[in-house]
């Protein structure tokens, strides 16, 4: 989705602020983090659907709000979309009826977090591209979730590493299905992204799924 969240390579936002040393600046941010994780453990949506929900924030609001405000907005949207709460319940802060879902205990939450969420799957098709092969990122702006940043679309790069097959995020966000797609680490020269204004000898490494890529010879 080509939205306000896709800030990579954009001018005008200044350097990245690296002054923050704590994970959470305010106590409510830690609460939002915990609430988002435990609600996700109810099994009503996946990680890519959660990311897509945040991307659907109104662009003006997205740019004027903080990281964990994005998380909270996405969570509220999912809770309503999945029918777990109503818009009135969200506004009032009061439950209109009891839920049949069982809460996640602290012990269960800790076990789920420790187990992680691996994305690697058995490879369905052989890798189309090889290490050191030159590729080009497709120019495509879907209205749904995608992991291909806009600023590298149409840019040539070189396959640096093969990661095997992983859950294709685009389809996972759309249907919830875990479809395997080959994943590559691609190296881009700074000058190919930003032109003559790029820093000398700069480069960017990005993990990209095979459907995002074309052979440079195509």
C-alpha atoms as a PDB file:
ATOM      1  CA  UNK A   1       0.000   0.000   0.000  1.00  0.00           C
ATOM      2  CA  UNK A   2       1.452   3.338  -1.053  1.00  0.00           C
ATOM      3  CA  UNK A   3       0.476   5.354   2.033  1.00  0.00           C
ATOM      4  CA  UNK A   4       1.880   7.791   4.556  1.00  0.00           C
ATOM      5  CA  UNK A   5       3.677   4.946   6.351  1.00  0.00           C
ATOM      6  CA  UNK A   6       5.929   4.352   3.328  1.00  0.00           C
ATOM      7  CA  UNK A   7       8.524   6.997   4.226  1.00  0.00           C
ATOM      8  CA  UNK A   8      11.670   5.301   2.938  1.00  0.00           C
ATOM      9  CA  UNK A   9      13.766   7.536   0.713  1.00  0.00           C
ATOM     10  CA  UNK A  10      11.488  10.549   1.217  1.00  0.00           C
ATOM     11  CA  UNK A  11      12.935  14.055   1.595  1.00  0.00           C
ATOM     12  CA  UNK A  12      11.916  16.615   4.201  1.00  0.00           C
ATOM     13  CA  UNK A  13      11.718  14.521   7.365  1.00  0.00           C
ATOM     14  CA  UNK A  14      15.229  15.180   8.575  1.00  0.00           C
ATOM     15  CA  UNK A  15      17.664  12.674  10.105  1.00  0.00           C
ATOM     16  CA  UNK A  16      16.492   9.751  12.237  1.00  0.00           C
ATOM     17  CA  UNK A  17      16.351  10.700  15.926  1.00  0.00           C
ATOM     18  CA  UNK A  18      18.476   8.151  17.792  1.00  0.00           C
ATOM     19  CA  UNK A  19      18.366   9.894  21.171  1.00  0.00           C
ATOM     20  CA  UNK A  20      15.726   7.602  22.695  1.00  0.00           C
ATOM     21  CA  UNK A  21      17.298   4.857  24.805  1.00  0.00           C
ATOM     22  CA  UNK A  22      14.197   3.397  26.480  1.00  0.00           C
ATOM     23  CA  UNK A  23      11.717   1.126  24.689  1.00  0.00           C
ATOM     24  CA  UNK A  24       8.781   3.182  25.961  1.00  0.00           C
ATOM     25  CA  UNK A  25       8.722   6.929  26.564  1.00  0.00           C
ATOM     26  CA  UNK A  26       5.332   6.937  28.355  1.00  0.00           C
ATOM     27  CA  UNK A  27       3.651   4.239  30.508  1.00  0.00           C
ATOM     28  CA  UNK A  28       0.631   4.029  28.165  1.00  0.00           C
ATOM     29  CA  UNK A  29       2.912   2.904  25.319  1.00  0.00           C
ATOM     30  CA  UNK A  30       3.895  -0.199  27.243  1.00  0.00           C
ATOM     31  CA  UNK A  31       0.195  -0.912  27.847  1.00  0.00           C
ATOM     32  CA  UNK A  32      -0.589  -0.578  24.126  1.00  0.00           C
ATOM     33  CA  UNK A  33       2.313  -2.882  23.278  1.00  0.00           C
ATOM     34  CA  UNK A  34       1.079  -5.566  25.693  1.00  0.00           C
ATOM     35  CA  UNK A  35      -2.557  -5.164  24.650  1.00  0.00           C
ATOM     36  CA  UNK A  36      -1.686  -5.495  20.964  1.00  0.00           C
ATOM     37  CA  UNK A  37       0.331  -8.667  21.530  1.00  0.00           C
ATOM     38  CA  UNK A  38      -2.248 -10.365  23.722  1.00  0.00           C
ATOM     39  CA  UNK A  39      -5.156  -9.465  21.428  1.00  0.00           C
ATOM     40  CA  UNK A  40      -3.146 -10.862  18.526  1.00  0.00           C
ATOM     41  CA  UNK A  41      -2.812 -14.110  20.477  1.00  0.00           C
ATOM     42  CA  UNK A  42      -6.593 -14.564  20.272  1.00  0.00           C
ATOM     43  CA  UNK A  43      -5.960 -15.843  16.744  1.00  0.00           C
ATOM     44  CA  UNK A  44      -8.364 -13.528  14.947  1.00  0.00           C
ATOM     45  CA  UNK A  45      -5.702 -11.963  12.672  1.00  0.00           C
ATOM     46  CA  UNK A  46      -2.051 -12.397  11.734  1.00  0.00           C
ATOM     47  CA  UNK A  47       0.997 -10.118  11.869  1.00  0.00           C
ATOM     48  CA  UNK A  48       0.677  -8.905   8.277  1.00  0.00           C
ATOM     49  CA  UNK A  49      -3.016  -8.058   8.787  1.00  0.00           C
ATOM     50  CA  UNK A  50      -1.998  -6.127  11.883  1.00  0.00           C
ATOM     51  CA  UNK A  51       0.575  -4.152   9.892  1.00  0.00           C
ATOM     52  CA  UNK A  52      -1.955  -3.456   7.145  1.00  0.00           C
ATOM     53  CA  UNK A  53      -4.450  -2.134   9.713  1.00  0.00           C
ATOM     54  CA  UNK A  54      -1.906   0.468  10.840  1.00  0.00           C
ATOM     55  CA  UNK A  55      -1.206   1.432   7.240  1.00  0.00           C
ATOM     56  CA  UNK A  56      -4.886   2.299   6.750  1.00  0.00           C
ATOM     57  CA  UNK A  57      -4.646   5.181   9.223  1.00  0.00           C
ATOM     58  CA  UNK A  58      -5.664   8.539   7.727  1.00  0.00           C
ATOM     59  CA  UNK A  59      -2.405   9.927   6.223  1.00  0.00           C
ATOM     60  CA  UNK A  60      -2.594  13.287   8.031  1.00  0.00           C
ATOM     61  CA  UNK A  61      -3.250  11.561  11.361  1.00  0.00           C
ATOM     62  CA  UNK A  62      -0.489   9.018  10.732  1.00  0.00           C
ATOM     63  CA  UNK A  63       2.154  11.684  10.169  1.00  0.00           C
ATOM     64  CA  UNK A  64       1.069  13.685  13.214  1.00  0.00           C
ATOM     65  CA  UNK A  65       0.883  10.734  15.638  1.00  0.00           C
ATOM     66  CA  UNK A  66       3.469   8.577  17.385  1.00  0.00           C
ATOM     67  CA  UNK A  67       4.588   4.998  16.795  1.00  0.00           C
ATOM     68  CA  UNK A  68       2.417   3.430  19.491  1.00  0.00           C
ATOM     69  CA  UNK A  69      -0.541   5.585  18.522  1.00  0.00           C
ATOM     70  CA  UNK A  70      -0.258   3.803  15.155  1.00  0.00           C
ATOM     71  CA  UNK A  71      -0.354   0.488  17.000  1.00  0.00           C
ATOM     72  CA  UNK A  72      -3.416   1.530  19.001  1.00  0.00           C
ATOM     73  CA  UNK A  73      -5.319   2.745  15.937  1.00  0.00           C
ATOM     74  CA  UNK A  74      -4.576  -0.499  14.094  1.00  0.00           C
ATOM     75  CA  UNK A  75      -5.716  -2.578  17.062  1.00  0.00           C
ATOM     76  CA  UNK A  76      -8.976  -0.631  17.395  1.00  0.00           C
ATOM     77  CA  UNK A  77      -9.659  -1.102  13.690  1.00  0.00           C
ATOM     78  CA  UNK A  78      -9.078  -4.862  13.862  1.00  0.00           C
ATOM     79  CA  UNK A  79     -11.191  -5.331  16.971  1.00  0.00           C
ATOM     80  CA  UNK A  80     -14.146  -3.647  15.257  1.00  0.00           C
ATOM     81  CA  UNK A  81     -13.573  -5.277  11.844  1.00  0.00           C
ATOM     82  CA  UNK A  82     -13.436  -8.765  13.386  1.00  0.00           C
ATOM     83  CA  UNK A  83     -16.588  -8.155  15.412  1.00  0.00           C
ATOM     84  CA  UNK A  84     -14.866  -8.514  18.774  1.00  0.00           C
ATOM     85  CA  UNK A  85     -16.196  -5.123  19.879  1.00  0.00           C
ATOM     86  CA  UNK A  86     -18.602  -2.585  18.398  1.00  0.00           C
ATOM     87  CA  UNK A  87     -17.870   1.036  17.582  1.00  0.00           C
ATOM     88  CA  UNK A  88     -20.112   2.045  20.482  1.00  0.00           C
ATOM     89  CA  UNK A  89     -18.180  -0.175  22.890  1.00  0.00           C
ATOM     90  CA  UNK A  90     -14.944   1.365  21.650  1.00  0.00           C
ATOM     91  CA  UNK A  91     -16.293   4.867  22.237  1.00  0.00           C
ATOM     92  CA  UNK A  92     -17.938   4.137  25.593  1.00  0.00           C
ATOM     93  CA  UNK A  93     -15.276   1.822  26.968  1.00  0.00           C
ATOM     94  CA  UNK A  94     -18.023  -0.516  28.232  1.00  0.00           C
ATOM     95  CA  UNK A  95     -18.785  -4.056  27.052  1.00  0.00           C
ATOM     96  CA  UNK A  96     -22.334  -4.555  25.750  1.00  0.00           C
ATOM     97  CA  UNK A  97     -22.132  -8.354  25.973  1.00  0.00           C
ATOM     98  CA  UNK A  98     -19.844 -11.125  27.184  1.00  0.00           C
ATOM     99  CA  UNK A  99     -17.336 -12.639  24.789  1.00  0.00           C
ATOM    100  CA  UNK A 100     -16.867 -16.358  24.192  1.00  0.00           C
ATOM    101  CA  UNK A 101     -13.145 -15.902  23.688  1.00  0.00           C
ATOM    102  CA  UNK A 102     -10.872 -16.955  26.525  1.00  0.00           C
ATOM    103  CA  UNK A 103      -8.362 -14.431  27.807  1.00  0.00           C
ATOM    104  CA  UNK A 104      -4.680 -15.128  27.362  1.00  0.00           C
ATOM    105  CA  UNK A 105      -2.972 -15.694  30.695  1.00  0.00           C
ATOM    106  CA  UNK A 106       0.445 -14.145  31.437  1.00  0.00           C
ATOM    107  CA  UNK A 107       1.965 -17.654  31.347  1.00  0.00           C
ATOM    108  CA  UNK A 108       0.447 -18.369  27.909  1.00  0.00           C
ATOM    109  CA  UNK A 109       1.536 -14.992  26.591  1.00  0.00           C
ATOM    110  CA  UNK A 110       5.118 -15.579  27.729  1.00  0.00           C
ATOM    111  CA  UNK A 111       5.153 -19.024  26.117  1.00  0.00           C
ATOM    112  CA  UNK A 112       3.858 -17.643  22.792  1.00  0.00           C
ATOM    113  CA  UNK A 113       6.367 -14.792  22.773  1.00  0.00           C
ATOM    114  CA  UNK A 114       9.258 -17.153  23.516  1.00  0.00           C
ATOM    115  CA  UNK A 115       8.211 -19.542  20.738  1.00  0.00           C
ATOM    116  CA  UNK A 116       8.279 -16.707  18.176  1.00  0.00           C
ATOM    117  CA  UNK A 117       6.532 -16.671  14.823  1.00  0.00           C
ATOM    118  CA  UNK A 118       8.779 -18.296  12.209  1.00  0.00           C
ATOM    119  CA  UNK A 119       7.881 -17.476   8.605  1.00  0.00           C
ATOM    120  CA  UNK A 120      10.004 -20.025   6.720  1.00  0.00           C
ATOM    121  CA  UNK A 121       8.092 -22.620   4.673  1.00  0.00           C
ATOM    122  CA  UNK A 122       9.049 -25.532   2.406  1.00  0.00           C
ATOM    123  CA  UNK A 123      10.122 -24.213  -0.985  1.00  0.00           C
ATOM    124  CA  UNK A 124       7.354 -24.700  -3.574  1.00  0.00           C
ATOM    125  CA  UNK A 125       9.299 -23.528  -6.636  1.00  0.00           C
ATOM    126  CA  UNK A 126      13.047 -23.307  -7.335  1.00  0.00           C
ATOM    127  CA  UNK A 127      14.601 -19.868  -6.961  1.00  0.00           C
ATOM    128  CA  UNK A 128      14.280 -17.895 -10.199  1.00  0.00           C
ATOM    129  CA  UNK A 129      17.249 -15.650  -9.401  1.00  0.00           C
ATOM    130  CA  UNK A 130      20.814 -16.454  -8.357  1.00  0.00           C
ATOM    131  CA  UNK A 131      23.414 -14.651  -6.239  1.00  0.00           C
ATOM    132  CA  UNK A 132      25.081 -11.760  -8.138  1.00  0.00           C
ATOM    133  CA  UNK A 133      22.265 -11.664 -10.714  1.00  0.00           C
ATOM    134  CA  UNK A 134      20.983  -8.187 -11.628  1.00  0.00           C
ATOM    135  CA  UNK A 135      17.256  -7.639 -11.070  1.00  0.00           C
ATOM    136  CA  UNK A 136      14.781  -4.770 -11.202  1.00  0.00           C
ATOM    137  CA  UNK A 137      12.006  -4.105  -8.689  1.00  0.00           C
ATOM    138  CA  UNK A 138       8.586  -4.035 -10.324  1.00  0.00           C
ATOM    139  CA  UNK A 139       6.733  -0.721 -10.309  1.00  0.00           C
ATOM    140  CA  UNK A 140       3.512  -1.680  -8.576  1.00  0.00           C
ATOM    141  CA  UNK A 141       1.323   0.198  -6.103  1.00  0.00           C
ATOM    142  CA  UNK A 142      -1.317  -2.227  -4.766  1.00  0.00           C
ATOM    143  CA  UNK A 143      -4.078  -0.899  -2.535  1.00  0.00           C
ATOM    144  CA  UNK A 144      -3.414  -3.815  -0.186  1.00  0.00           C
ATOM    145  CA  UNK A 145      -0.391  -4.612   2.001  1.00  0.00           C
ATOM    146  CA  UNK A 146       3.034  -5.035   0.422  1.00  0.00           C
ATOM    147  CA  UNK A 147       6.588  -5.232   1.731  1.00  0.00           C
ATOM    148  CA  UNK A 148       8.149  -3.599  -1.336  1.00  0.00           C
ATOM    149  CA  UNK A 149       9.084   0.020  -0.487  1.00  0.00           C
ATOM    150  CA  UNK A 150       8.058   2.586  -3.095  1.00  0.00           C
ATOM    151  CA  UNK A 151      11.489   4.229  -3.256  1.00  0.00           C
ATOM    152  CA  UNK A 152      13.146   1.159  -4.803  1.00  0.00           C
ATOM    153  CA  UNK A 153      10.443   0.404  -7.387  1.00  0.00           C
ATOM    154  CA  UNK A 154      11.908   0.551 -10.879  1.00  0.00           C
ATOM    155  CA  UNK A 155      15.444   0.457  -9.445  1.00  0.00           C
ATOM    156  CA  UNK A 156      17.990  -2.199 -10.392  1.00  0.00           C
ATOM    157  CA  UNK A 157      19.786  -4.200  -7.744  1.00  0.00           C
ATOM    158  CA  UNK A 158      21.928  -7.300  -7.297  1.00  0.00           C
ATOM    159  CA  UNK A 159      20.911 -10.515  -5.556  1.00  0.00           C
ATOM    160  CA  UNK A 160      23.107 -10.702  -2.445  1.00  0.00           C
ATOM    161  CA  UNK A 161      21.639 -13.731  -0.676  1.00  0.00           C
ATOM    162  CA  UNK A 162      18.883 -16.358  -0.976  1.00  0.00           C
ATOM    163  CA  UNK A 163      16.688 -16.810   2.113  1.00  0.00           C
ATOM    164  CA  UNK A 164      14.610 -19.755   0.891  1.00  0.00           C
ATOM    165  CA  UNK A 165      10.805 -19.664   0.929  1.00  0.00           C
ATOM    166  CA  UNK A 166       8.818 -17.637   3.467  1.00  0.00           C
ATOM    167  CA  UNK A 167       5.195 -16.631   4.066  1.00  0.00           C
ATOM    168  CA  UNK A 168       4.289 -14.157   1.301  1.00  0.00           C
ATOM    169  CA  UNK A 169       3.254 -11.099   3.308  1.00  0.00           C
ATOM    170  CA  UNK A 170       0.995  -9.637   0.609  1.00  0.00           C
ATOM    171  CA  UNK A 171      -1.230 -12.724   0.422  1.00  0.00           C
ATOM    172  CA  UNK A 172      -1.035 -13.321   4.180  1.00  0.00           C
ATOM    173  CA  UNK A 173      -2.465  -9.864   4.831  1.00  0.00           C
ATOM    174  CA  UNK A 174      -5.180 -10.295   2.197  1.00  0.00           C
ATOM    175  CA  UNK A 175      -6.504 -13.809   2.820  1.00  0.00           C
ATOM    176  CA  UNK A 176      -4.654 -15.112   5.852  1.00  0.00           C
ATOM    177  CA  UNK A 177      -3.217 -17.967   3.776  1.00  0.00           C
ATOM    178  CA  UNK A 178       0.414 -18.933   4.323  1.00  0.00           C
ATOM    179  CA  UNK A 179       1.631 -19.050   0.723  1.00  0.00           C
ATOM    180  CA  UNK A 180       5.371 -19.744   0.240  1.00  0.00           C
ATOM    181  CA  UNK A 181       7.360 -17.365  -1.953  1.00  0.00           C
ATOM    182  CA  UNK A 182      11.106 -17.224  -2.473  1.00  0.00           C
ATOM    183  CA  UNK A 183      12.766 -14.410  -0.535  1.00  0.00           C
ATOM    184  CA  UNK A 184      15.993 -12.632  -1.497  1.00  0.00           C
ATOM    185  CA  UNK A 185      18.322 -10.085   0.024  1.00  0.00           C
ATOM    186  CA  UNK A 186      18.994  -7.498  -2.688  1.00  0.00           C
ATOM    187  CA  UNK A 187      21.785  -4.917  -2.751  1.00  0.00           C
ATOM    188  CA  UNK A 188      21.086  -1.476  -4.248  1.00  0.00           C
ATOM    189  CA  UNK A 189      23.740   1.148  -4.979  1.00  0.00           C
ATOM    190  CA  UNK A 190      22.883   4.531  -3.515  1.00  0.00           C
ATOM    191  CA  UNK A 191      23.424   6.271  -6.852  1.00  0.00           C
ATOM    192  CA  UNK A 192      20.825   4.017  -8.503  1.00  0.00           C
ATOM    193  CA  UNK A 193      18.273   5.057  -5.881  1.00  0.00           C
ATOM    194  CA  UNK A 194      19.051   8.731  -5.328  1.00  0.00           C
ATOM    195  CA  UNK A 195      21.195   9.626  -8.345  1.00  0.00           C
ATOM    196  CA  UNK A 196      24.206  11.925  -8.196  1.00  0.00           C
ATOM    197  CA  UNK A 197      23.178  13.321  -4.759  1.00  0.00           C
ATOM    198  CA  UNK A 198      23.730   9.930  -3.079  1.00  0.00           C
ATOM    199  CA  UNK A 199      26.600   9.605  -0.625  1.00  0.00           C
ATOM    200  CA  UNK A 200      29.691   8.082  -2.281  1.00  0.00           C
ATOM    201  CA  UNK A 201      29.884   4.268  -2.038  1.00  0.00           C
ATOM    202  CA  UNK A 202      26.533   4.087  -0.243  1.00  0.00           C
ATOM    203  CA  UNK A 203      24.311   1.030  -0.633  1.00  0.00           C
ATOM    204  CA  UNK A 204      21.089  -0.416   0.770  1.00  0.00           C
ATOM    205  CA  UNK A 205      20.233  -4.076   1.440  1.00  0.00           C
ATOM    206  CA  UNK A 206      16.523  -5.014   1.352  1.00  0.00           C
ATOM    207  CA  UNK A 207      14.742  -8.373   1.681  1.00  0.00           C
ATOM    208  CA  UNK A 208      12.303  -8.766  -1.227  1.00  0.00           C
ATOM    209  CA  UNK A 209       9.945 -11.520  -2.355  1.00  0.00           C
ATOM    210  CA  UNK A 210      10.301 -13.019  -5.811  1.00  0.00           C
ATOM    211  CA  UNK A 211       6.975 -11.604  -7.159  1.00  0.00           C
ATOM    212  CA  UNK A 212       8.421  -8.111  -6.619  1.00  0.00           C
ATOM    213  CA  UNK A 213      11.361  -8.739  -8.953  1.00  0.00           C
ATOM    214  CA  UNK A 214      12.108  -8.920 -12.660  1.00  0.00           C
ATOM    215  CA  UNK A 215      15.253 -10.062 -14.401  1.00  0.00           C
ATOM    216  CA  UNK A 216      17.248  -7.076 -15.629  1.00  0.00           C
ATOM    217  CA  UNK A 217      17.120  -8.710 -19.069  1.00  0.00           C
ATOM    218  CA  UNK A 218      13.271  -8.808 -19.138  1.00  0.00           C
END
